[in-house]
């Protein structure tokens, strides 16, 4: 069962919500739903990559340092930050 959501938009956001469907030949509802799905899909992938890197970099830091082609990668790892 679908639930309703009330959302306050700025004038520019509201304009974009009404212009985009004309460009894509889609309904406002379809465009907004697609934008929400795309946002969460992209956010989920980025967070997953961050979590994997947070676990993998410390575990493989020595091997990565040895394989580093540039000193920037090695320096970043030594300072505890991601390259």
PDB file of N, CA and C in Angstrom:
ATOM      1  N   UNK A   1       0.836  -1.177   0.000  1.00  0.00           N
ATOM      2  CA  UNK A   1       0.000   0.000   0.000  1.00  0.00           C
ATOM      3  C   UNK A   1       0.884   1.245   0.000  1.00  0.00           C
ATOM      4  N   UNK A   2       0.646   2.144  -0.888  1.00  0.00           N
ATOM      5  CA  UNK A   2       1.429   3.369  -1.002  1.00  0.00           C
ATOM      6  C   UNK A   2       0.953   4.395   0.022  1.00  0.00           C
ATOM      7  N   UNK A   3       1.906   5.141   0.538  1.00  0.00           N
ATOM      8  CA  UNK A   3       1.583   6.207   1.471  1.00  0.00           C
ATOM      9  C   UNK A   3       1.868   7.539   0.810  1.00  0.00           C
ATOM     10  N   UNK A   4       1.199   8.556   1.277  1.00  0.00           N
ATOM     11  CA  UNK A   4       1.403   9.888   0.733  1.00  0.00           C
ATOM     12  C   UNK A   4       2.510  10.599   1.472  1.00  0.00           C
ATOM     13  N   UNK A   5       3.171  11.494   0.764  1.00  0.00           N
ATOM     14  CA  UNK A   5       4.241  12.293   1.338  1.00  0.00           C
ATOM     15  C   UNK A   5       4.028  13.729   0.887  1.00  0.00           C
ATOM     16  N   UNK A   6       4.011  14.638   1.825  1.00  0.00           N
ATOM     17  CA  UNK A   6       3.887  16.052   1.483  1.00  0.00           C
ATOM     18  C   UNK A   6       5.278  16.658   1.574  1.00  0.00           C
ATOM     19  N   UNK A   7       5.664  17.436   0.572  1.00  0.00           N
ATOM     20  CA  UNK A   7       7.021  17.944   0.480  1.00  0.00           C
ATOM     21  C   UNK A   7       6.981  19.415   0.097  1.00  0.00           C
ATOM     22  N   UNK A   8       7.713  20.235   0.831  1.00  0.00           N
ATOM     23  CA  UNK A   8       7.810  21.664   0.491  1.00  0.00           C
ATOM     24  C   UNK A   8       9.058  21.864  -0.376  1.00  0.00           C
ATOM     25  N   UNK A   9       8.870  22.497  -1.512  1.00  0.00           N
ATOM     26  CA  UNK A   9       9.968  22.744  -2.441  1.00  0.00           C
ATOM     27  C   UNK A   9      10.136  24.238  -2.662  1.00  0.00           C
ATOM     28  N   UNK A  10      11.352  24.632  -2.976  1.00  0.00           N
ATOM     29  CA  UNK A  10      11.585  26.027  -3.354  1.00  0.00           C
ATOM     30  C   UNK A  10      10.960  26.252  -4.721  1.00  0.00           C
ATOM     31  N   UNK A  11      10.866  27.492  -5.115  1.00  0.00           N
ATOM     32  CA  UNK A  11      10.290  27.815  -6.426  1.00  0.00           C
ATOM     33  C   UNK A  11      11.102  27.171  -7.550  1.00  0.00           C
ATOM     34  N   UNK A  12      12.431  27.193  -7.415  1.00  0.00           N
ATOM     35  CA  UNK A  12      13.294  26.600  -8.446  1.00  0.00           C
ATOM     36  C   UNK A  12      13.119  25.084  -8.504  1.00  0.00           C
ATOM     37  N   UNK A  13      13.023  24.441  -7.334  1.00  0.00           N
ATOM     38  CA  UNK A  13      12.819  22.991  -7.302  1.00  0.00           C
ATOM     39  C   UNK A  13      11.467  22.617  -7.891  1.00  0.00           C
ATOM     40  N   UNK A  14      10.453  23.378  -7.542  1.00  0.00           N
ATOM     41  CA  UNK A  14       9.117  23.111  -8.073  1.00  0.00           C
ATOM     42  C   UNK A  14       9.086  23.287  -9.587  1.00  0.00           C
ATOM     43  N   UNK A  15       9.763  24.313 -10.068  1.00  0.00           N
ATOM     44  CA  UNK A  15       9.844  24.530 -11.515  1.00  0.00           C
ATOM     45  C   UNK A  15      10.514  23.332 -12.199  1.00  0.00           C
ATOM     46  N   UNK A  16      11.631  22.873 -11.626  1.00  0.00           N
ATOM     47  CA  UNK A  16      12.349  21.731 -12.202  1.00  0.00           C
ATOM     48  C   UNK A  16      11.482  20.483 -12.210  1.00  0.00           C
ATOM     49  N   UNK A  17      10.705  20.290 -11.148  1.00  0.00           N
ATOM     50  CA  UNK A  17       9.838  19.114 -11.053  1.00  0.00           C
ATOM     51  C   UNK A  17       8.762  19.142 -12.134  1.00  0.00           C
ATOM     52  N   UNK A  18       8.372  20.319 -12.545  1.00  0.00           N
ATOM     53  CA  UNK A  18       7.334  20.415 -13.578  1.00  0.00           C
ATOM     54  C   UNK A  18       7.908  20.482 -14.992  1.00  0.00           C
ATOM     55  N   UNK A  19       9.143  20.937 -15.144  1.00  0.00           N
ATOM     56  CA  UNK A  19       9.770  21.028 -16.468  1.00  0.00           C
ATOM     57  C   UNK A  19      10.320  19.677 -16.902  1.00  0.00           C
ATOM     58  N   UNK A  20      10.958  18.973 -15.990  1.00  0.00           N
ATOM     59  CA  UNK A  20      11.614  17.703 -16.324  1.00  0.00           C
ATOM     60  C   UNK A  20      10.665  16.682 -16.949  1.00  0.00           C
ATOM     61  N   UNK A  21       9.472  16.512 -16.420  1.00  0.00           N
ATOM     62  CA  UNK A  21       8.566  15.531 -17.037  1.00  0.00           C
ATOM     63  C   UNK A  21       8.239  15.856 -18.491  1.00  0.00           C
ATOM     64  N   UNK A  22       8.178  17.150 -18.814  1.00  0.00           N
ATOM     65  CA  UNK A  22       7.929  17.524 -20.213  1.00  0.00           C
ATOM     66  C   UNK A  22       9.084  17.095 -21.103  1.00  0.00           C
ATOM     67  N   UNK A  23      10.299  17.244 -20.597  1.00  0.00           N
ATOM     68  CA  UNK A  23      11.491  16.859 -21.357  1.00  0.00           C
ATOM     69  C   UNK A  23      11.541  15.344 -21.537  1.00  0.00           C
ATOM     70  N   UNK A  24      11.241  14.606 -20.465  1.00  0.00           N
ATOM     71  CA  UNK A  24      11.344  13.145 -20.486  1.00  0.00           C
ATOM     72  C   UNK A  24      10.059  12.448 -20.918  1.00  0.00           C
ATOM     73  N   UNK A  25       9.028  13.211 -21.181  1.00  0.00           N
ATOM     74  CA  UNK A  25       7.717  12.658 -21.523  1.00  0.00           C
ATOM     75  C   UNK A  25       7.309  11.619 -20.463  1.00  0.00           C
ATOM     76  N   UNK A  26       7.254  12.098 -19.240  1.00  0.00           N
ATOM     77  CA  UNK A  26       6.873  11.260 -18.112  1.00  0.00           C
ATOM     78  C   UNK A  26       6.023  12.110 -17.173  1.00  0.00           C
ATOM     79  N   UNK A  27       5.374  11.466 -16.235  1.00  0.00           N
ATOM     80  CA  UNK A  27       4.575  12.213 -15.269  1.00  0.00           C
ATOM     81  C   UNK A  27       5.485  12.777 -14.178  1.00  0.00           C
ATOM     82  N   UNK A  28       4.989  13.792 -13.494  1.00  0.00           N
ATOM     83  CA  UNK A  28       5.731  14.357 -12.367  1.00  0.00           C
ATOM     84  C   UNK A  28       6.005  13.259 -11.348  1.00  0.00           C
ATOM     85  N   UNK A  29       5.022  12.445 -11.079  1.00  0.00           N
ATOM     86  CA  UNK A  29       5.181  11.350 -10.110  1.00  0.00           C
ATOM     87  C   UNK A  29       6.313  10.417 -10.516  1.00  0.00           C
ATOM     88  N   UNK A  30       6.364  10.047 -11.797  1.00  0.00           N
ATOM     89  CA  UNK A  30       7.420   9.141 -12.271  1.00  0.00           C
ATOM     90  C   UNK A  30       8.806   9.769 -12.117  1.00  0.00           C
ATOM     91  N   UNK A  31       8.924  11.033 -12.466  1.00  0.00           N
ATOM     92  CA  UNK A  31      10.216  11.714 -12.384  1.00  0.00           C
ATOM     93  C   UNK A  31      10.685  11.815 -10.934  1.00  0.00           C
ATOM     94  N   UNK A  32       9.791  12.175 -10.028  1.00  0.00           N
ATOM     95  CA  UNK A  32      10.158  12.301  -8.619  1.00  0.00           C
ATOM     96  C   UNK A  32      10.526  10.939  -8.041  1.00  0.00           C
ATOM     97  N   UNK A  33       9.739   9.918  -8.342  1.00  0.00           N
ATOM     98  CA  UNK A  33      10.041   8.578  -7.826  1.00  0.00           C
ATOM     99  C   UNK A  33      11.389   8.083  -8.357  1.00  0.00           C
ATOM    100  N   UNK A  34      11.682   8.326  -9.632  1.00  0.00           N
ATOM    101  CA  UNK A  34      12.959   7.922 -10.213  1.00  0.00           C
ATOM    102  C   UNK A  34      14.111   8.666  -9.536  1.00  0.00           C
ATOM    103  N   UNK A  35      13.928   9.960  -9.288  1.00  0.00           N
ATOM    104  CA  UNK A  35      14.972  10.747  -8.634  1.00  0.00           C
ATOM    105  C   UNK A  35      15.257  10.215  -7.229  1.00  0.00           C
ATOM    106  N   UNK A  36      14.219   9.851  -6.507  1.00  0.00           N
ATOM    107  CA  UNK A  36      14.395   9.302  -5.159  1.00  0.00           C
ATOM    108  C   UNK A  36      15.115   7.963  -5.222  1.00  0.00           C
ATOM    109  N   UNK A  37      14.702   7.080  -6.136  1.00  0.00           N
ATOM    110  CA  UNK A  37      15.377   5.780  -6.281  1.00  0.00           C
ATOM    111  C   UNK A  37      16.845   5.959  -6.647  1.00  0.00           C
ATOM    112  N   UNK A  38      17.119   6.833  -7.616  1.00  0.00           N
ATOM    113  CA  UNK A  38      18.495   7.069  -8.051  1.00  0.00           C
ATOM    114  C   UNK A  38      19.346   7.597  -6.908  1.00  0.00           C
ATOM    115  N   UNK A  39      18.788   8.505  -6.108  1.00  0.00           N
ATOM    116  CA  UNK A  39      19.519   9.066  -4.977  1.00  0.00           C
ATOM    117  C   UNK A  39      19.914   7.968  -3.993  1.00  0.00           C
ATOM    118  N   UNK A  40      18.967   7.125  -3.611  1.00  0.00           N
ATOM    119  CA  UNK A  40      19.267   6.088  -2.632  1.00  0.00           C
ATOM    120  C   UNK A  40      20.155   4.993  -3.207  1.00  0.00           C
ATOM    121  N   UNK A  41      20.005   4.689  -4.488  1.00  0.00           N
ATOM    122  CA  UNK A  41      20.900   3.717  -5.115  1.00  0.00           C
ATOM    123  C   UNK A  41      22.338   4.225  -5.104  1.00  0.00           C
ATOM    124  N   UNK A  42      22.532   5.465  -5.501  1.00  0.00           N
ATOM    125  CA  UNK A  42      23.877   6.048  -5.538  1.00  0.00           C
ATOM    126  C   UNK A  42      24.451   6.169  -4.132  1.00  0.00           C
ATOM    127  N   UNK A  43      23.645   6.610  -3.189  1.00  0.00           N
ATOM    128  CA  UNK A  43      24.105   6.776  -1.804  1.00  0.00           C
ATOM    129  C   UNK A  43      24.482   5.423  -1.214  1.00  0.00           C
ATOM    130  N   UNK A  44      23.691   4.414  -1.489  1.00  0.00           N
ATOM    131  CA  UNK A  44      23.970   3.077  -0.960  1.00  0.00           C
ATOM    132  C   UNK A  44      25.274   2.511  -1.495  1.00  0.00           C
ATOM    133  N   UNK A  45      25.539   2.705  -2.783  1.00  0.00           N
ATOM    134  CA  UNK A  45      26.789   2.214  -3.370  1.00  0.00           C
ATOM    135  C   UNK A  45      27.983   2.942  -2.779  1.00  0.00           C
ATOM    136  N   UNK A  46      27.891   4.255  -2.636  1.00  0.00           N
ATOM    137  CA  UNK A  46      29.010   5.031  -2.094  1.00  0.00           C
ATOM    138  C   UNK A  46      29.304   4.620  -0.652  1.00  0.00           C
ATOM    139  N   UNK A  47      28.265   4.430   0.150  1.00  0.00           N
ATOM    140  CA  UNK A  47      28.474   4.022   1.539  1.00  0.00           C
ATOM    141  C   UNK A  47      29.065   2.624   1.619  1.00  0.00           C
ATOM    142  N   UNK A  48      28.639   1.734   0.734  1.00  0.00           N
ATOM    143  CA  UNK A  48      29.178   0.383   0.716  1.00  0.00           C
ATOM    144  C   UNK A  48      30.670   0.401   0.374  1.00  0.00           C
ATOM    145  N   UNK A  49      31.040   1.177  -0.627  1.00  0.00           N
ATOM    146  CA  UNK A  49      32.455   1.287  -1.006  1.00  0.00           C
ATOM    147  C   UNK A  49      33.260   1.867   0.151  1.00  0.00           C
ATOM    148  N   UNK A  50      32.738   2.882   0.819  1.00  0.00           N
ATOM    149  CA  UNK A  50      33.430   3.463   1.971  1.00  0.00           C
ATOM    150  C   UNK A  50      33.657   2.423   3.064  1.00  0.00           C
ATOM    151  N   UNK A  51      32.627   1.623   3.357  1.00  0.00           N
ATOM    152  CA  UNK A  51      32.773   0.607   4.411  1.00  0.00           C
ATOM    153  C   UNK A  51      33.802  -0.445   4.033  1.00  0.00           C
ATOM    154  N   UNK A  52      33.803  -0.865   2.774  1.00  0.00           N
ATOM    155  CA  UNK A  52      34.773  -1.862   2.315  1.00  0.00           C
ATOM    156  C   UNK A  52      36.186  -1.293   2.406  1.00  0.00           C
ATOM    157  N   UNK A  53      36.355  -0.054   1.975  1.00  0.00           N
ATOM    158  CA  UNK A  53      37.684   0.557   2.042  1.00  0.00           C
ATOM    159  C   UNK A  53      38.144   0.736   3.479  1.00  0.00           C
ATOM    160  N   UNK A  54      37.221   1.113   4.362  1.00  0.00           N
ATOM    161  CA  UNK A  54      37.592   1.271   5.773  1.00  0.00           C
ATOM    162  C   UNK A  54      38.110  -0.035   6.369  1.00  0.00           C
ATOM    163  N   UNK A  55      37.571  -1.162   5.928  1.00  0.00           N
ATOM    164  CA  UNK A  55      38.034  -2.458   6.437  1.00  0.00           C
ATOM    165  C   UNK A  55      39.274  -2.939   5.701  1.00  0.00           C
ATOM    166  N   UNK A  56      39.310  -2.762   4.389  1.00  0.00           N
ATOM    167  CA  UNK A  56      40.373  -3.354   3.578  1.00  0.00           C
ATOM    168  C   UNK A  56      41.687  -2.586   3.651  1.00  0.00           C
ATOM    169  N   UNK A  57      41.636  -1.266   3.664  1.00  0.00           N
ATOM    170  CA  UNK A  57      42.883  -0.507   3.642  1.00  0.00           C
ATOM    171  C   UNK A  57      43.782  -0.808   4.834  1.00  0.00           C
ATOM    172  N   UNK A  58      43.266  -0.792   6.063  1.00  0.00           N
ATOM    173  CA  UNK A  58      44.166  -1.119   7.179  1.00  0.00           C
ATOM    174  C   UNK A  58      44.724  -2.542   7.088  1.00  0.00           C
ATOM    175  N   UNK A  59      43.887  -3.471   6.657  1.00  0.00           N
ATOM    176  CA  UNK A  59      44.305  -4.873   6.589  1.00  0.00           C
ATOM    177  C   UNK A  59      45.418  -5.077   5.568  1.00  0.00           C
ATOM    178  N   UNK A  60      45.337  -4.377   4.465  1.00  0.00           N
ATOM    179  CA  UNK A  60      46.297  -4.584   3.375  1.00  0.00           C
ATOM    180  C   UNK A  60      47.245  -3.400   3.191  1.00  0.00           C
ATOM    181  N   UNK A  61      47.375  -2.559   4.210  1.00  0.00           N
ATOM    182  CA  UNK A  61      48.168  -1.336   4.079  1.00  0.00           C
ATOM    183  C   UNK A  61      49.610  -1.614   3.668  1.00  0.00           C
ATOM    184  N   UNK A  62      50.257  -2.591   4.302  1.00  0.00           N
ATOM    185  CA  UNK A  62      51.658  -2.880   3.965  1.00  0.00           C
ATOM    186  C   UNK A  62      51.794  -3.331   2.516  1.00  0.00           C
ATOM    187  N   UNK A  63      50.923  -4.204   2.082  1.00  0.00           N
ATOM    188  CA  UNK A  63      50.988  -4.683   0.695  1.00  0.00           C
ATOM    189  C   UNK A  63      50.720  -3.551  -0.279  1.00  0.00           C
ATOM    190  N   UNK A  64      49.767  -2.705   0.062  1.00  0.00           N
ATOM    191  CA  UNK A  64      49.452  -1.580  -0.822  1.00  0.00           C
ATOM    192  C   UNK A  64      50.631  -0.618  -0.880  1.00  0.00           C
ATOM    193  N   UNK A  65      51.273  -0.367   0.255  1.00  0.00           N
ATOM    194  CA  UNK A  65      52.446   0.513   0.280  1.00  0.00           C
ATOM    195  C   UNK A  65      53.541  -0.032  -0.631  1.00  0.00           C
ATOM    196  N   UNK A  66      53.757  -1.337  -0.578  1.00  0.00           N
ATOM    197  CA  UNK A  66      54.798  -1.932  -1.425  1.00  0.00           C
ATOM    198  C   UNK A  66      54.461  -1.838  -2.905  1.00  0.00           C
ATOM    199  N   UNK A  67      53.189  -1.909  -3.204  1.00  0.00           N
ATOM    200  CA  UNK A  67      52.766  -1.868  -4.603  1.00  0.00           C
ATOM    201  C   UNK A  67      52.523  -0.452  -5.123  1.00  0.00           C
ATOM    202  N   UNK A  68      52.585   0.514  -4.234  1.00  0.00           N
ATOM    203  CA  UNK A  68      52.280   1.896  -4.620  1.00  0.00           C
ATOM    204  C   UNK A  68      53.222   2.363  -5.728  1.00  0.00           C
ATOM    205  N   UNK A  69      52.647   2.933  -6.740  1.00  0.00           N
ATOM    206  CA  UNK A  69      53.442   3.423  -7.864  1.00  0.00           C
ATOM    207  C   UNK A  69      53.957   4.821  -7.574  1.00  0.00           C
ATOM    208  N   UNK A  70      53.147   5.628  -6.913  1.00  0.00           N
ATOM    209  CA  UNK A  70      53.573   6.993  -6.600  1.00  0.00           C
ATOM    210  C   UNK A  70      53.760   7.144  -5.111  1.00  0.00           C
ATOM    211  N   UNK A  71      54.562   8.095  -4.718  1.00  0.00           N
ATOM    212  CA  UNK A  71      54.789   8.333  -3.290  1.00  0.00           C
ATOM    213  C   UNK A  71      53.545   8.913  -2.631  1.00  0.00           C
ATOM    214  N   UNK A  72      52.660   9.548  -3.405  1.00  0.00           N
ATOM    215  CA  UNK A  72      51.438  10.116  -2.835  1.00  0.00           C
ATOM    216  C   UNK A  72      50.578   9.034  -2.206  1.00  0.00           C
ATOM    217  N   UNK A  73      50.466   7.880  -2.852  1.00  0.00           N
ATOM    218  CA  UNK A  73      49.666   6.785  -2.305  1.00  0.00           C
ATOM    219  C   UNK A  73      50.278   6.292  -0.997  1.00  0.00           C
ATOM    220  N   UNK A  74      51.575   6.081  -0.980  1.00  0.00           N
ATOM    221  CA  UNK A  74      52.250   5.632   0.236  1.00  0.00           C
ATOM    222  C   UNK A  74      52.138   6.646   1.357  1.00  0.00           C
ATOM    223  N   UNK A  75      52.301   7.932   1.024  1.00  0.00           N
ATOM    224  CA  UNK A  75      52.193   8.982   2.036  1.00  0.00           C
ATOM    225  C   UNK A  75      50.784   9.049   2.618  1.00  0.00           C
ATOM    226  N   UNK A  76      49.796   8.928   1.788  1.00  0.00           N
ATOM    227  CA  UNK A  76      48.407   8.969   2.262  1.00  0.00           C
ATOM    228  C   UNK A  76      48.141   7.822   3.225  1.00  0.00           C
ATOM    229  N   UNK A  77      48.638   6.645   2.890  1.00  0.00           N
ATOM    230  CA  UNK A  77      48.425   5.486   3.757  1.00  0.00           C
ATOM    231  C   UNK A  77      49.173   5.630   5.082  1.00  0.00           C
ATOM    232  N   UNK A  78      50.383   6.171   5.027  1.00  0.00           N
ATOM    233  CA  UNK A  78      51.145   6.370   6.251  1.00  0.00           C
ATOM    234  C   UNK A  78      50.463   7.340   7.190  1.00  0.00           C
ATOM    235  N   UNK A  79      49.783   8.335   6.622  1.00  0.00           N
ATOM    236  CA  UNK A  79      49.093   9.331   7.428  1.00  0.00           C
ATOM    237  C   UNK A  79      47.691   8.879   7.833  1.00  0.00           C
ATOM    238  N   UNK A  80      47.333   7.655   7.460  1.00  0.00           N
ATOM    239  CA  UNK A  80      46.043   7.103   7.861  1.00  0.00           C
ATOM    240  C   UNK A  80      44.860   7.656   7.119  1.00  0.00           C
ATOM    241  N   UNK A  81      45.073   8.177   5.934  1.00  0.00           N
ATOM    242  CA  UNK A  81      43.951   8.678   5.147  1.00  0.00           C
ATOM    243  C   UNK A  81      43.876   7.920   3.831  1.00  0.00           C
ATOM    244  N   UNK A  82      42.692   7.964   3.254  1.00  0.00           N
ATOM    245  CA  UNK A  82      42.506   7.283   1.970  1.00  0.00           C
ATOM    246  C   UNK A  82      43.150   8.081   0.855  1.00  0.00           C
ATOM    247  N   UNK A  83      43.722   7.401  -0.100  1.00  0.00           N
ATOM    248  CA  UNK A  83      44.332   8.089  -1.248  1.00  0.00           C
ATOM    249  C   UNK A  83      43.272   8.729  -2.119  1.00  0.00           C
TER     250      UNK A  83
END
